């Protein structure tokens, strides 16, 4: 073999040694080595965790016979947000579960190194559940008890989306509002307390006082984004003469003119000044807004929009969700329907054929438009995957006004009846019989509240606000300032407790209290009634003489509540409207 060949062979040997590694101490671990180490260790992590909770996890050796000491060099996760994982003790680590807006699967990986310097990793899977549920209150206007399909009372109503909320949620068959009139019931619905506590007893007492804490304020304090769309009815308006007299004592009341008041003064009572960040507040054609219906944020101010008033409110609600779906939010949606003036587009009217009552036809079309809006809201929540983390409450502000006799006046004429129905209840808007204060009342929260549940025990609108903000993380101090109780039928909930909790009403010269199946009603100084609500109030006998002790018990409860209220009206004499109601509905 010549020298050239020998030199070539020697070079090949050196190349082989260099490629294969001549020093065993510097050889990197084989892939199988890393896999074996990864299989020998695991992360203990709960299968489901909740946002904001402190989570403990451990790194464990699967084979306890001869575990090697390992060190965590770093952590990584599939979440967009990084996790601040802290070493708390030998083999134990902790982190705060991040906020998510929907159920979110994720993985967490520990990057480890053993005593020999070999690096490997182990992973675990888990699911984060949101801790802050959204709240949407859908608050209709003068919608009577009969007018949702879920109640199965009338056969001409068409509310498939509202009925679906009931089928997949909770229907409260004895759900009450705090007043039989718009302004006071709305004052209760945006504060969570009886409106008599701050003096908004009826429509005369607008605006809502500046020092009143709203649910917008409370949810903002909890880090929520807040919004209000539609009817507010708590601003300075033509009814605000008592407020004007109190605030301008040196000016004759005859000089009260809403149009002459400074805009800066009126704006102090708009929802934008009462804790609601996003606004599309208004009734029809003109709205106080800081975003448009294309989702663009705008400067806060009045805008014109001549589209159909109910579709505008529904569109404003869905646009709010578009803008804020990544944040916990509270949204108050107040459709101005089926309140007069009655109006509906041909698209909605065409769904309801001509019938004996034209006012009824318009009301049905308007309530269908509201229902379509409910469907749009639900679809938008589904689009962003946040329906399961959203509490939806559907409630009317009071019973329907029927003007005693359901007069079917031409649509353009001013007439009491708005086309809605309170059947089978006694009375109408303005009364403290059930026709004025018992309303459609549904709460929907998928997977948290059992679907197709009916609760017959009496509840009130304030309870929804208490129950929802409790789930949002309100403190015991905040909850103690509210007048509601928890009514969400989660595991272990005992509805029988609701039978031992009194509900109170005071309006004009009427007062009432319900405890369990009994309701005490007083009209003026002389007319007292006791009804057994286990049967229909409309056909129930007045038990005031048969059960004086029960009547006295309820009356005492009312008096103890009433003394806490801001105003102390005499309520001795009925007004003309109340006398007419008394004669028509209760003189049997």
Protein backbone atom coordinates (compact mmCIF):
# COMPACT_ATOMS: atom_id res chain seq x y z
CA UNK A 1 0.00 0.00 0.00
CA UNK A 2 1.56 3.31 -1.01
CA UNK A 3 1.98 6.35 1.21
CA UNK A 4 -0.81 8.27 -0.49
CA UNK A 5 -3.30 5.50 0.21
CA UNK A 6 -2.21 5.28 3.88
CA UNK A 7 -2.59 9.02 4.35
CA UNK A 8 -6.11 8.82 2.84
CA UNK A 9 -7.19 6.01 5.15
CA UNK A 10 -5.85 7.86 8.18
CA UNK A 11 -7.87 10.97 7.19
CA UNK A 12 -11.07 8.91 6.89
CA UNK A 13 -10.53 7.43 10.37
CA UNK A 14 -10.07 10.93 11.85
CA UNK A 15 -13.19 12.15 10.04
CA UNK A 16 -15.22 9.23 11.43
CA UNK A 17 -14.00 9.87 14.99
CA UNK A 18 -14.86 13.56 14.70
CA UNK A 19 -18.32 12.81 13.34
CA UNK A 20 -19.19 10.08 15.83
CA UNK A 21 -17.53 11.74 18.80
CA UNK A 22 -14.45 10.43 20.40
CA UNK A 23 -15.26 11.71 23.90
CA UNK A 24 -18.27 9.95 25.54
CA UNK A 25 -18.55 12.67 28.24
CA UNK A 26 -19.51 15.38 25.70
CA UNK A 27 -22.11 13.32 23.80
CA UNK A 28 -25.61 14.94 23.74
CA UNK A 29 -28.47 12.74 24.98
CA UNK A 30 -30.25 10.72 22.37
CA UNK A 31 -33.87 11.50 21.52
CA UNK A 32 -34.96 8.29 23.21
CA UNK A 33 -33.24 9.46 26.39
CA UNK A 34 -35.25 12.69 26.48
CA UNK A 35 -38.47 10.85 25.71
CA UNK A 36 -37.78 8.40 28.52
CA UNK A 37 -37.21 11.25 30.97
CA UNK A 38 -40.38 13.03 29.81
CA UNK A 39 -42.35 9.82 30.41
CA UNK A 40 -40.83 9.53 33.88
CA UNK A 41 -42.25 12.85 35.09
CA UNK A 42 -45.64 14.56 34.98
CA UNK A 43 -47.37 17.80 35.98
CA UNK A 44 -50.33 17.57 38.33
CA UNK A 45 -52.83 20.23 37.24
CA UNK A 46 -56.63 20.38 37.82
CA UNK A 47 -58.64 19.45 34.74
CA UNK A 48 -60.72 22.65 35.10
CA UNK A 49 -59.69 25.92 36.69
CA UNK A 50 -61.49 29.25 37.12
CA UNK A 51 -60.16 32.68 36.19
CA UNK A 52 -58.64 34.61 39.11
CA UNK A 53 -58.23 31.48 41.26
CA UNK A 54 -54.82 30.58 42.70
CA UNK A 55 -53.78 27.30 41.11
CA UNK A 56 -51.29 24.86 42.68
CA UNK A 57 -49.40 22.50 40.39
CA UNK A 58 -46.64 19.98 41.07
CA UNK A 59 -43.94 18.22 39.07
CA UNK A 60 -43.87 14.55 40.02
CA UNK A 61 -41.73 11.52 39.21
CA UNK A 62 -43.85 8.79 37.68
CA UNK A 63 -41.38 6.09 38.83
CA UNK A 64 -40.85 6.57 42.56
CA UNK A 65 -38.29 3.74 42.87
CA UNK A 66 -35.26 5.86 41.99
CA UNK A 67 -36.31 9.39 41.08
CA UNK A 68 -33.64 11.82 39.99
CA UNK A 69 -33.59 15.37 41.23
CA UNK A 70 -34.80 17.72 38.51
CA UNK A 71 -34.93 21.51 38.30
CA UNK A 72 -37.50 23.63 36.50
CA UNK A 73 -35.59 25.98 34.24
CA UNK A 74 -38.62 27.71 32.74
CA UNK A 75 -42.34 27.44 31.97
CA UNK A 76 -44.28 27.99 28.78
CA UNK A 77 -47.97 27.94 27.89
CA UNK A 78 -50.20 27.93 24.84
CA UNK A 79 -52.11 30.93 26.21
CA UNK A 80 -51.52 34.33 24.66
CA UNK A 81 -50.94 35.79 28.12
CA UNK A 82 -47.85 34.61 29.98
CA UNK A 83 -48.27 32.92 33.35
CA UNK A 84 -46.31 34.12 36.35
CA UNK A 85 -45.59 30.72 37.90
CA UNK A 86 -43.99 30.96 41.32
CA UNK A 87 -41.99 28.28 43.15
CA UNK A 88 -43.80 27.99 46.50
CA UNK A 89 -42.05 24.93 47.99
CA UNK A 90 -40.23 21.75 47.05
CA UNK A 91 -41.94 20.55 43.88
CA UNK A 92 -44.95 22.88 44.25
CA UNK A 93 -45.69 25.92 42.13
CA UNK A 94 -48.58 28.39 41.90
CA UNK A 95 -50.06 30.90 39.48
CA UNK A 96 -53.18 33.06 39.18
CA UNK A 97 -55.49 31.78 36.46
CA UNK A 98 -55.83 34.55 33.85
CA UNK A 99 -59.11 36.12 32.85
CA UNK A 100 -60.80 34.57 29.82
CA UNK A 101 -64.11 35.51 28.20
CA UNK A 102 -65.07 31.94 27.25
CA UNK A 103 -64.11 28.36 28.11
CA UNK A 104 -60.49 28.11 26.98
CA UNK A 105 -58.37 24.96 26.62
CA UNK A 106 -54.66 25.41 27.17
CA UNK A 107 -51.42 23.54 27.81
CA UNK A 108 -48.63 24.28 30.24
CA UNK A 109 -45.07 22.98 29.80
CA UNK A 110 -42.25 22.66 32.33
CA UNK A 111 -38.76 22.82 30.83
CA UNK A 112 -36.63 20.62 33.14
CA UNK A 113 -33.02 19.62 33.63
CA UNK A 114 -31.79 16.63 35.69
CA UNK A 115 -28.64 16.19 37.78
CA UNK A 116 -26.71 14.95 34.76
CA UNK A 117 -27.53 18.13 32.87
CA UNK A 118 -30.01 16.48 30.54
CA UNK A 119 -32.80 18.81 29.44
CA UNK A 120 -36.32 17.63 28.72
CA UNK A 121 -39.91 18.83 29.17
CA UNK A 122 -43.30 17.63 30.39
CA UNK A 123 -46.74 19.10 29.64
CA UNK A 124 -50.28 19.05 30.98
CA UNK A 125 -53.67 20.14 29.63
CA UNK A 126 -56.42 22.03 31.42
CA UNK A 127 -59.50 24.20 30.82
CA UNK A 128 -59.99 27.74 32.14
CA UNK A 129 -63.55 28.80 32.95
CA UNK A 130 -64.45 32.51 33.09
CA UNK A 131 -65.03 33.90 36.58
CA UNK A 132 -66.83 37.08 35.55
CA UNK A 133 -70.12 36.41 33.75
CA UNK A 134 -71.54 39.11 31.52
CA UNK A 135 -75.00 40.48 32.31
CA UNK A 136 -77.54 41.64 29.73
CA UNK A 137 -80.85 43.00 31.02
CA UNK A 138 -83.53 43.18 28.30
CA UNK A 139 -86.22 45.48 29.68
CA UNK A 140 -89.38 45.90 27.62
CA UNK A 141 -92.01 48.61 28.00
CA UNK A 142 -95.65 47.92 28.97
CA UNK A 143 -95.50 44.27 27.88
CA UNK A 144 -98.30 42.38 29.62
CA UNK A 145 -97.96 39.04 31.37
CA UNK A 146 -99.79 37.12 28.62
CA UNK A 147 -97.51 38.25 25.84
CA UNK A 148 -94.74 35.67 25.69
CA UNK A 149 -95.38 32.29 24.12
CA UNK A 150 -93.72 30.54 27.05
CA UNK A 151 -96.67 31.45 29.27
CA UNK A 152 -99.03 29.62 26.91
CA UNK A 153 -101.91 32.01 27.66
CA UNK A 154 -102.77 33.45 24.23
CA UNK A 155 -102.31 31.86 20.81
CA UNK A 156 -101.58 34.93 18.68
CA UNK A 157 -98.25 35.95 20.23
CA UNK A 158 -95.08 34.97 18.36
CA UNK A 159 -91.91 35.21 20.47
CA UNK A 160 -89.74 32.21 19.51
CA UNK A 161 -86.42 33.65 20.72
CA UNK A 162 -87.79 34.77 24.08
CA UNK A 163 -89.46 31.38 24.48
CA UNK A 164 -86.12 29.71 23.74
CA UNK A 165 -84.56 31.67 26.61
CA UNK A 166 -87.23 30.21 28.88
CA UNK A 167 -86.85 26.69 27.49
CA UNK A 168 -83.09 26.81 28.03
CA UNK A 169 -83.26 28.79 31.25
CA UNK A 170 -85.55 29.65 34.14
CA UNK A 171 -89.10 30.99 33.87
CA UNK A 172 -90.33 32.76 37.02
CA UNK A 173 -94.11 32.42 36.90
CA UNK A 174 -94.55 34.88 39.79
CA UNK A 175 -92.00 37.47 38.74
CA UNK A 176 -92.73 41.03 39.83
CA UNK A 177 -91.47 44.50 39.02
CA UNK A 178 -91.09 47.19 41.71
CA UNK A 179 -93.74 49.60 40.35
CA UNK A 180 -96.65 49.68 37.90
CA UNK A 181 -95.20 52.63 35.98
CA UNK A 182 -92.15 53.31 33.80
CA UNK A 183 -89.89 55.70 35.71
CA UNK A 184 -90.04 54.10 39.18
CA UNK A 185 -89.69 50.55 37.88
CA UNK A 186 -86.68 51.62 35.78
CA UNK A 187 -85.15 53.36 38.79
CA UNK A 188 -85.31 50.06 40.67
CA UNK A 189 -83.97 48.11 37.70
CA UNK A 190 -80.81 50.22 37.34
CA UNK A 191 -80.03 50.45 41.08
CA UNK A 192 -80.98 47.13 42.66
CA UNK A 193 -82.88 48.84 45.48
CA UNK A 194 -86.47 49.90 46.02
CA UNK A 195 -86.75 53.25 44.25
CA UNK A 196 -88.73 54.71 47.17
CA UNK A 197 -85.46 54.71 49.13
CA UNK A 198 -84.27 57.66 47.03
CA UNK A 199 -87.63 59.25 46.26
CA UNK A 200 -88.44 58.15 42.69
CA UNK A 201 -91.94 57.03 43.66
CA UNK A 202 -93.64 57.71 40.33
CA UNK A 203 -93.17 59.49 37.01
CA UNK A 204 -93.30 62.91 38.67
CA UNK A 205 -90.00 62.38 40.43
CA UNK A 206 -87.54 62.53 37.57
CA UNK A 207 -84.61 62.80 37.35
CA UNK A 208 -82.87 60.08 39.34
CA UNK A 209 -80.88 61.85 42.10
CA UNK A 210 -77.23 62.45 41.33
CA UNK A 211 -76.01 60.72 44.49
CA UNK A 212 -77.73 57.42 43.74
CA UNK A 213 -75.37 54.54 43.00
CA UNK A 214 -76.42 52.64 39.87
CA UNK A 215 -75.60 49.16 38.68
CA UNK A 216 -73.47 50.89 36.07
CA UNK A 217 -71.38 52.34 38.90
CA UNK A 218 -71.17 49.04 40.73
CA UNK A 219 -70.20 46.97 37.69
CA UNK A 220 -67.63 49.59 36.70
CA UNK A 221 -66.07 49.24 40.15
CA UNK A 222 -65.72 45.50 39.45
CA UNK A 223 -63.78 46.14 36.25
CA UNK A 224 -66.70 45.63 33.87
CA UNK A 225 -67.43 47.59 30.72
CA UNK A 226 -70.96 49.01 30.96
CA UNK A 227 -73.52 50.07 28.40
CA UNK A 228 -77.06 51.38 28.12
CA UNK A 229 -79.15 51.38 24.95
CA UNK A 230 -82.75 52.50 24.44
CA UNK A 231 -85.16 54.05 26.90
CA UNK A 232 -83.74 55.57 30.09
CA UNK A 233 -86.64 57.70 31.40
CA UNK A 234 -84.62 58.81 34.42
CA UNK A 235 -83.43 62.09 32.93
CA UNK A 236 -84.95 65.56 33.45
CA UNK A 237 -88.18 65.63 31.47
CA UNK A 238 -91.54 67.40 31.38
CA UNK A 239 -92.54 65.65 34.62
CA UNK A 240 -89.63 67.14 36.58
CA UNK A 241 -91.48 70.05 38.19
CA UNK A 242 -90.92 68.81 41.78
CA UNK A 243 -87.17 68.60 41.02
CA UNK A 244 -87.23 72.10 39.48
CA UNK A 245 -89.02 73.54 42.50
CA UNK A 246 -86.48 71.96 44.85
CA UNK A 247 -83.43 73.04 42.85
CA UNK A 248 -84.63 76.48 41.76
CA UNK A 249 -86.72 77.66 44.73
CA UNK A 250 -86.59 81.31 43.69
CA UNK A 251 -87.97 80.68 40.20
CA UNK A 252 -91.75 80.34 39.71
CA UNK A 253 -92.74 76.83 38.70
CA UNK A 254 -94.62 78.35 35.78
CA UNK A 255 -91.24 79.18 34.23
CA UNK A 256 -90.11 75.56 34.11
CA UNK A 257 -89.12 74.91 30.50
CA UNK A 258 -87.13 71.81 29.64
CA UNK A 259 -85.78 73.36 26.46
CA UNK A 260 -84.26 76.30 28.29
CA UNK A 261 -82.25 74.26 30.77
CA UNK A 262 -78.51 74.17 30.03
CA UNK A 263 -77.33 71.05 28.22
CA UNK A 264 -74.56 70.62 30.77
CA UNK A 265 -77.18 70.38 33.52
CA UNK A 266 -79.35 67.85 31.67
CA UNK A 267 -76.35 65.70 30.78
CA UNK A 268 -75.62 65.13 34.48
CA UNK A 269 -78.68 62.85 34.58
CA UNK A 270 -78.02 60.89 31.39
CA UNK A 271 -76.79 57.29 31.67
CA UNK A 272 -73.35 58.46 30.51
CA UNK A 273 -73.05 60.30 33.84
CA UNK A 274 -74.51 57.42 35.85
CA UNK A 275 -71.89 54.72 35.37
CA UNK A 276 -72.69 53.63 31.80
CA UNK A 277 -69.63 53.98 29.57
CA UNK A 278 -71.21 53.11 26.21
CA UNK A 279 -74.43 54.90 25.34
CA UNK A 280 -77.08 54.72 22.66
CA UNK A 281 -79.85 56.21 24.75
CA UNK A 282 -83.07 57.47 23.22
CA UNK A 283 -86.63 56.71 22.23
CA UNK A 284 -86.90 57.33 18.49
CA UNK A 285 -85.07 59.33 15.79
CA UNK A 286 -82.63 61.02 18.20
CA UNK A 287 -80.08 59.29 20.42
CA UNK A 288 -77.40 60.26 22.92
CA UNK A 289 -74.51 58.09 21.74
CA UNK A 290 -70.76 57.63 21.74
CA UNK A 291 -70.62 54.90 19.09
CA UNK A 292 -72.37 54.27 15.81
CA UNK A 293 -74.11 51.21 14.43
CA UNK A 294 -71.06 50.24 12.41
CA UNK A 295 -69.07 49.74 15.61
CA UNK A 296 -67.08 52.99 15.47
CA UNK A 297 -66.60 54.94 18.69
CA UNK A 298 -67.64 58.58 18.30
CA UNK A 299 -67.70 61.73 20.36
CA UNK A 300 -70.50 61.66 22.93
CA UNK A 301 -73.47 63.68 21.73
CA UNK A 302 -76.86 63.67 20.08
CA UNK A 303 -77.19 61.94 16.71
CA UNK A 304 -80.11 61.41 14.35
CA UNK A 305 -81.29 57.97 13.30
CA UNK A 306 -84.70 57.66 11.69
CA UNK A 307 -84.64 53.87 11.35
CA UNK A 308 -87.33 51.83 13.10
CA UNK A 309 -86.87 52.51 16.82
CA UNK A 310 -86.87 48.86 17.94
CA UNK A 311 -84.36 47.72 15.32
CA UNK A 312 -82.10 50.63 16.29
CA UNK A 313 -81.98 49.47 19.92
CA UNK A 314 -81.33 45.85 18.91
CA UNK A 315 -78.56 46.94 16.52
CA UNK A 316 -77.01 49.15 19.21
CA UNK A 317 -76.97 46.17 21.57
CA UNK A 318 -75.23 43.87 19.08
CA UNK A 319 -72.71 46.57 18.19
CA UNK A 320 -71.91 46.98 21.88
CA UNK A 321 -71.13 43.25 21.99
CA UNK A 322 -68.97 43.56 18.86
CA UNK A 323 -66.92 46.27 20.54
CA UNK A 324 -66.69 44.72 24.02
CA UNK A 325 -66.83 40.94 23.64
CA UNK A 326 -63.26 40.56 24.90
CA UNK A 327 -64.09 42.26 28.22
CA UNK A 328 -66.55 41.40 31.00
CA UNK A 329 -69.58 43.61 30.41
CA UNK A 330 -72.98 44.67 31.76
CA UNK A 331 -75.48 45.91 29.18
CA UNK A 332 -78.94 47.35 29.83
CA UNK A 333 -81.16 47.03 26.74
CA UNK A 334 -84.46 48.92 26.94
CA UNK A 335 -86.75 48.51 23.93
CA UNK A 336 -89.47 51.17 23.75
CA UNK A 337 -92.22 48.63 23.07
CA UNK A 338 -95.02 47.82 23.03
CA UNK A 339 -95.51 51.26 24.59
CA UNK A 340 -97.46 53.80 22.55
CA UNK A 341 -97.09 55.34 20.04
CA UNK A 342 -97.77 52.07 18.27
CA UNK A 343 -95.70 51.70 15.12
CA UNK A 344 -94.31 48.82 13.11
CA UNK A 345 -92.68 48.32 9.74
CA UNK A 346 -94.55 46.54 6.96
CA UNK A 347 -92.08 43.65 7.26
CA UNK A 348 -93.22 43.02 10.82
CA UNK A 349 -96.90 43.81 10.23
CA UNK A 350 -97.06 41.42 7.29
CA UNK A 351 -96.40 38.52 9.68
CA UNK A 352 -99.70 39.19 11.45
CA UNK A 353 -102.86 39.09 9.35
CA UNK A 354 -105.67 41.58 9.69
CA UNK A 355 -107.77 40.83 12.76
CA UNK A 356 -110.58 42.30 14.77
CA UNK A 357 -108.21 44.54 16.76
CA UNK A 358 -105.78 46.72 14.86
CA UNK A 359 -104.05 47.87 18.06
CA UNK A 360 -103.46 44.24 18.98
CA UNK A 361 -101.97 43.59 15.55
CA UNK A 362 -99.51 46.45 15.93
CA UNK A 363 -98.55 45.33 19.44
CA UNK A 364 -97.92 41.78 18.17
CA UNK A 365 -95.69 43.14 15.41
CA UNK A 366 -93.76 45.31 17.87
CA UNK A 367 -93.25 42.44 20.28
CA UNK A 368 -92.07 40.27 17.39
CA UNK A 369 -89.54 43.00 16.54
CA UNK A 370 -88.29 42.90 20.14
CA UNK A 371 -88.08 39.11 19.90
CA UNK A 372 -86.05 39.40 16.70
CA UNK A 373 -83.69 41.67 18.61
CA UNK A 374 -83.36 39.06 21.34
CA UNK A 375 -82.44 36.54 18.67
CA UNK A 376 -79.80 38.90 17.25
CA UNK A 377 -78.27 39.40 20.68
CA UNK A 378 -78.09 35.67 21.33
CA UNK A 379 -76.60 35.03 17.88
CA UNK A 380 -73.94 37.66 18.48
CA UNK A 381 -73.00 36.07 21.81
CA UNK A 382 -72.77 32.69 20.07
CA UNK A 383 -70.59 34.18 17.34
CA UNK A 384 -67.99 35.16 19.94
CA UNK A 385 -68.38 31.98 21.99
CA UNK A 386 -69.55 33.88 25.09
CA UNK A 387 -73.21 32.83 25.35
CA UNK A 388 -72.37 30.33 28.08
CA UNK A 389 -70.73 33.07 30.11
CA UNK A 390 -73.57 35.56 29.77
CA UNK A 391 -76.56 35.97 32.08
CA UNK A 392 -79.57 37.24 30.13
CA UNK A 393 -82.57 38.58 32.04
CA UNK A 394 -85.79 39.34 30.14
CA UNK A 395 -88.33 41.40 32.11
CA UNK A 396 -91.07 43.94 31.37
CA UNK A 397 -91.16 47.24 33.25
CA UNK A 398 -94.84 46.87 34.24
CA UNK A 399 -98.12 45.44 33.08
CA UNK A 400 -100.02 46.63 30.00
CA UNK A 401 -102.36 49.64 30.11
CA UNK A 402 -105.74 48.47 28.85
CA UNK A 403 -107.99 51.45 29.64
CA UNK A 404 -110.57 49.19 31.31
CA UNK A 405 -112.22 48.14 28.05
CA UNK A 406 -109.54 47.51 25.37
CA UNK A 407 -110.79 50.35 23.14
CA UNK A 408 -109.44 49.69 19.64
CA UNK A 409 -108.97 53.32 18.65
CA UNK A 410 -107.16 54.21 15.41
CA UNK A 411 -103.39 53.85 15.75
CA UNK A 412 -102.74 57.57 15.42
CA UNK A 413 -105.13 58.45 18.27
CA UNK A 414 -104.02 58.76 21.85
CA UNK A 415 -105.66 55.86 23.66
CA UNK A 416 -104.78 54.00 26.85
CA UNK A 417 -104.67 50.45 25.48
CA UNK A 418 -101.37 49.62 23.81
CA UNK A 419 -102.58 46.30 22.37
CA UNK A 420 -100.86 44.10 24.97
CA UNK A 421 -102.64 41.74 27.38
CA UNK A 422 -102.33 40.95 31.10
CA UNK A 423 -104.57 37.87 31.10
CA UNK A 424 -105.40 36.15 33.38
CA UNK A 425 -104.33 38.79 35.89
CA UNK A 426 -106.49 41.39 37.60
CA UNK A 427 -105.98 45.03 36.69
CA UNK A 428 -103.53 46.97 34.55
CA UNK A 429 -100.63 49.41 34.47
CA UNK A 430 -100.84 51.83 37.40
CA UNK A 431 -102.42 49.31 39.78
CA UNK A 432 -100.85 47.19 42.53
CA UNK A 433 -103.06 44.25 41.64
CA UNK A 434 -101.03 41.67 39.72
CA UNK A 435 -102.07 43.03 36.31
CA UNK A 436 -99.94 46.09 36.99
CA UNK A 437 -96.84 44.49 38.52
CA UNK A 438 -96.56 40.81 37.57
CA UNK A 439 -94.66 40.55 34.30
CA UNK A 440 -92.78 38.23 31.92
CA UNK A 441 -89.64 37.26 33.85
CA UNK A 442 -86.94 34.94 32.44
CA UNK A 443 -83.29 34.32 33.32
CA UNK A 444 -80.97 32.43 30.97
CA UNK A 445 -77.43 31.26 31.83
CA UNK A 446 -76.39 28.08 29.98
CA UNK A 447 -74.89 25.25 32.02
CA UNK A 448 -75.11 27.26 35.24
CA UNK A 449 -78.92 27.31 35.51
CA UNK A 450 -80.80 24.13 34.69
CA UNK A 451 -82.79 24.48 31.50
CA UNK A 452 -86.57 24.35 31.32
CA UNK A 453 -86.93 25.24 34.99
CA UNK A 454 -90.08 26.92 36.31
CA UNK A 455 -90.02 28.65 39.69
CA UNK A 456 -93.44 29.50 41.10
CA UNK A 457 -92.30 31.24 44.28
CA UNK A 458 -92.59 35.06 44.19
CA UNK A 459 -89.51 37.03 43.09
CA UNK A 460 -88.87 40.65 42.15
CA UNK A 461 -86.69 42.39 39.56
CA UNK A 462 -84.21 43.48 42.25
CA UNK A 463 -83.35 39.82 42.82
CA UNK A 464 -81.85 39.42 39.34
CA UNK A 465 -79.44 42.29 39.94
CA UNK A 466 -78.41 40.92 43.33
CA UNK A 467 -77.89 37.41 41.98
CA UNK A 468 -75.90 38.55 38.94
CA UNK A 469 -73.57 40.99 40.67
CA UNK A 470 -72.91 38.40 43.36
CA UNK A 471 -71.53 36.13 40.59
CA UNK A 472 -69.49 39.06 39.30
CA UNK A 473 -67.59 39.19 42.58
CA UNK A 474 -69.38 41.93 44.53
CA UNK A 475 -68.35 42.18 48.17
CA UNK A 476 -70.64 41.40 51.07
CA UNK A 477 -70.73 45.14 51.78
CA UNK A 478 -72.09 45.86 48.29
CA UNK A 479 -74.59 43.02 48.48
CA UNK A 480 -75.84 44.30 51.85
CA UNK A 481 -76.70 47.62 50.18
CA UNK A 482 -79.06 45.94 47.71
CA UNK A 483 -82.67 44.92 48.34
CA UNK A 484 -82.72 41.66 46.40
CA UNK A 485 -81.84 38.09 47.30
CA UNK A 486 -80.17 35.28 45.38
CA UNK A 487 -82.74 33.56 43.17
CA UNK A 488 -80.48 31.66 40.77
CA UNK A 489 -81.36 27.97 41.18
CA UNK A 490 -77.84 26.60 41.28
CA UNK A 491 -76.98 23.37 43.09
CA UNK A 492 -78.30 23.34 46.65
CA UNK A 493 -80.67 26.29 46.12
CA UNK A 494 -83.82 26.09 48.25
CA UNK A 495 -86.71 27.95 46.63
CA UNK A 496 -88.87 27.54 49.74
CA UNK A 497 -86.94 30.40 51.37
CA UNK A 498 -88.58 32.75 48.88
CA UNK A 499 -91.96 32.03 50.45
CA UNK A 500 -90.76 33.61 53.70
CA UNK A 501 -89.41 36.81 52.13
CA UNK A 502 -91.90 39.73 51.81
CA UNK A 503 -92.16 41.89 48.68
CA UNK A 504 -93.32 45.51 48.92
CA UNK A 505 -94.99 48.08 46.69
CA UNK A 506 -96.13 51.68 47.12
CA UNK A 507 -97.57 53.75 44.31
CA UNK A 508 -99.77 56.84 44.34
CA UNK A 509 -102.37 56.09 47.02
CA UNK A 510 -101.95 52.31 46.93
CA UNK A 511 -99.74 50.02 48.99
CA UNK A 512 -99.22 46.28 48.93
CA UNK A 513 -97.12 43.47 50.38
CA UNK A 514 -96.88 39.83 49.37
CA UNK A 515 -95.60 37.10 51.67
CA UNK A 516 -95.79 33.55 50.38
CA UNK A 517 -99.27 32.94 49.03
CA UNK A 518 -100.90 35.96 50.66
CA UNK A 519 -101.06 39.51 49.38
CA UNK A 520 -102.35 42.52 51.28
CA UNK A 521 -103.53 45.52 49.25
CA UNK A 522 -104.68 48.90 50.51
CA UNK A 523 -106.20 51.63 48.34
CA UNK A 524 -106.61 54.96 50.06
CA UNK A 525 -107.52 55.00 53.74
CA UNK A 526 -110.58 52.77 53.61
CA UNK A 527 -110.22 49.97 51.09
CA UNK A 528 -108.28 46.91 52.25
CA UNK A 529 -107.96 43.51 50.59
CA UNK A 530 -106.35 40.19 51.43
CA UNK A 531 -105.93 37.71 48.61
CA UNK A 532 -104.88 34.08 48.61
CA UNK A 533 -102.53 34.08 45.63
CA UNK A 534 -102.59 30.30 45.35
CA UNK A 535 -105.69 30.96 43.24
CA UNK A 536 -106.08 33.71 40.67
CA UNK A 537 -106.36 37.15 42.25
CA UNK A 538 -109.07 37.98 39.74
CA UNK A 539 -111.43 35.37 41.18
CA UNK A 540 -110.14 35.24 44.74
CA UNK A 541 -112.41 36.39 47.53
CA UNK A 542 -111.36 39.24 49.76
CA UNK A 543 -110.25 37.48 52.96
CA UNK A 544 -109.71 40.64 54.99
CA UNK A 545 -112.59 39.78 57.37
CA UNK A 546 -111.92 36.04 57.45
CA UNK A 547 -108.20 36.29 58.23
CA UNK A 548 -107.63 39.50 60.23
CA UNK A 549 -104.46 38.17 61.89
CA UNK A 550 -102.83 37.42 58.54
CA UNK A 551 -103.85 40.85 57.24
CA UNK A 552 -102.37 42.50 60.32
CA UNK A 553 -99.14 40.53 59.96
CA UNK A 554 -98.66 41.71 56.39
CA UNK A 555 -99.69 45.25 57.22
CA UNK A 556 -97.09 45.39 60.01
CA UNK A 557 -94.39 44.18 57.63
CA UNK A 558 -95.34 46.91 55.18
CA UNK A 559 -95.31 49.64 57.82
CA UNK A 560 -91.84 48.60 59.02
CA UNK A 561 -90.57 48.79 55.43
CA UNK A 562 -92.38 52.01 54.58
CA UNK A 563 -90.88 53.98 57.45
CA UNK A 564 -87.43 53.50 55.90
CA UNK A 565 -88.43 55.20 52.63
CA UNK A 566 -87.45 58.74 51.63
CA UNK A 567 -90.96 60.10 51.17
CA UNK A 568 -93.87 59.55 53.54
CA UNK A 569 -97.05 60.28 51.55
CA UNK A 570 -100.40 60.30 53.36
CA UNK A 571 -102.19 58.06 50.82
CA UNK A 572 -105.58 58.84 52.32
CA UNK A 573 -107.63 59.77 49.25
CA UNK A 574 -107.64 58.02 45.88
CA UNK A 575 -107.22 60.06 42.71
CA UNK A 576 -109.83 59.89 39.96
CA UNK A 577 -108.00 57.18 38.03
CA UNK A 578 -107.65 55.00 41.14
CA UNK A 579 -111.33 55.43 42.00
CA UNK A 580 -112.24 54.27 38.52
CA UNK A 581 -110.01 51.22 38.84
CA UNK A 582 -111.41 50.39 42.27
CA UNK A 583 -114.96 50.51 40.98
CA UNK A 584 -114.25 48.52 37.84
CA UNK A 585 -111.91 45.79 39.12
CA UNK A 586 -112.49 45.41 42.86
CA UNK A 587 -116.12 46.25 43.60
CA UNK A 588 -117.25 42.61 43.66
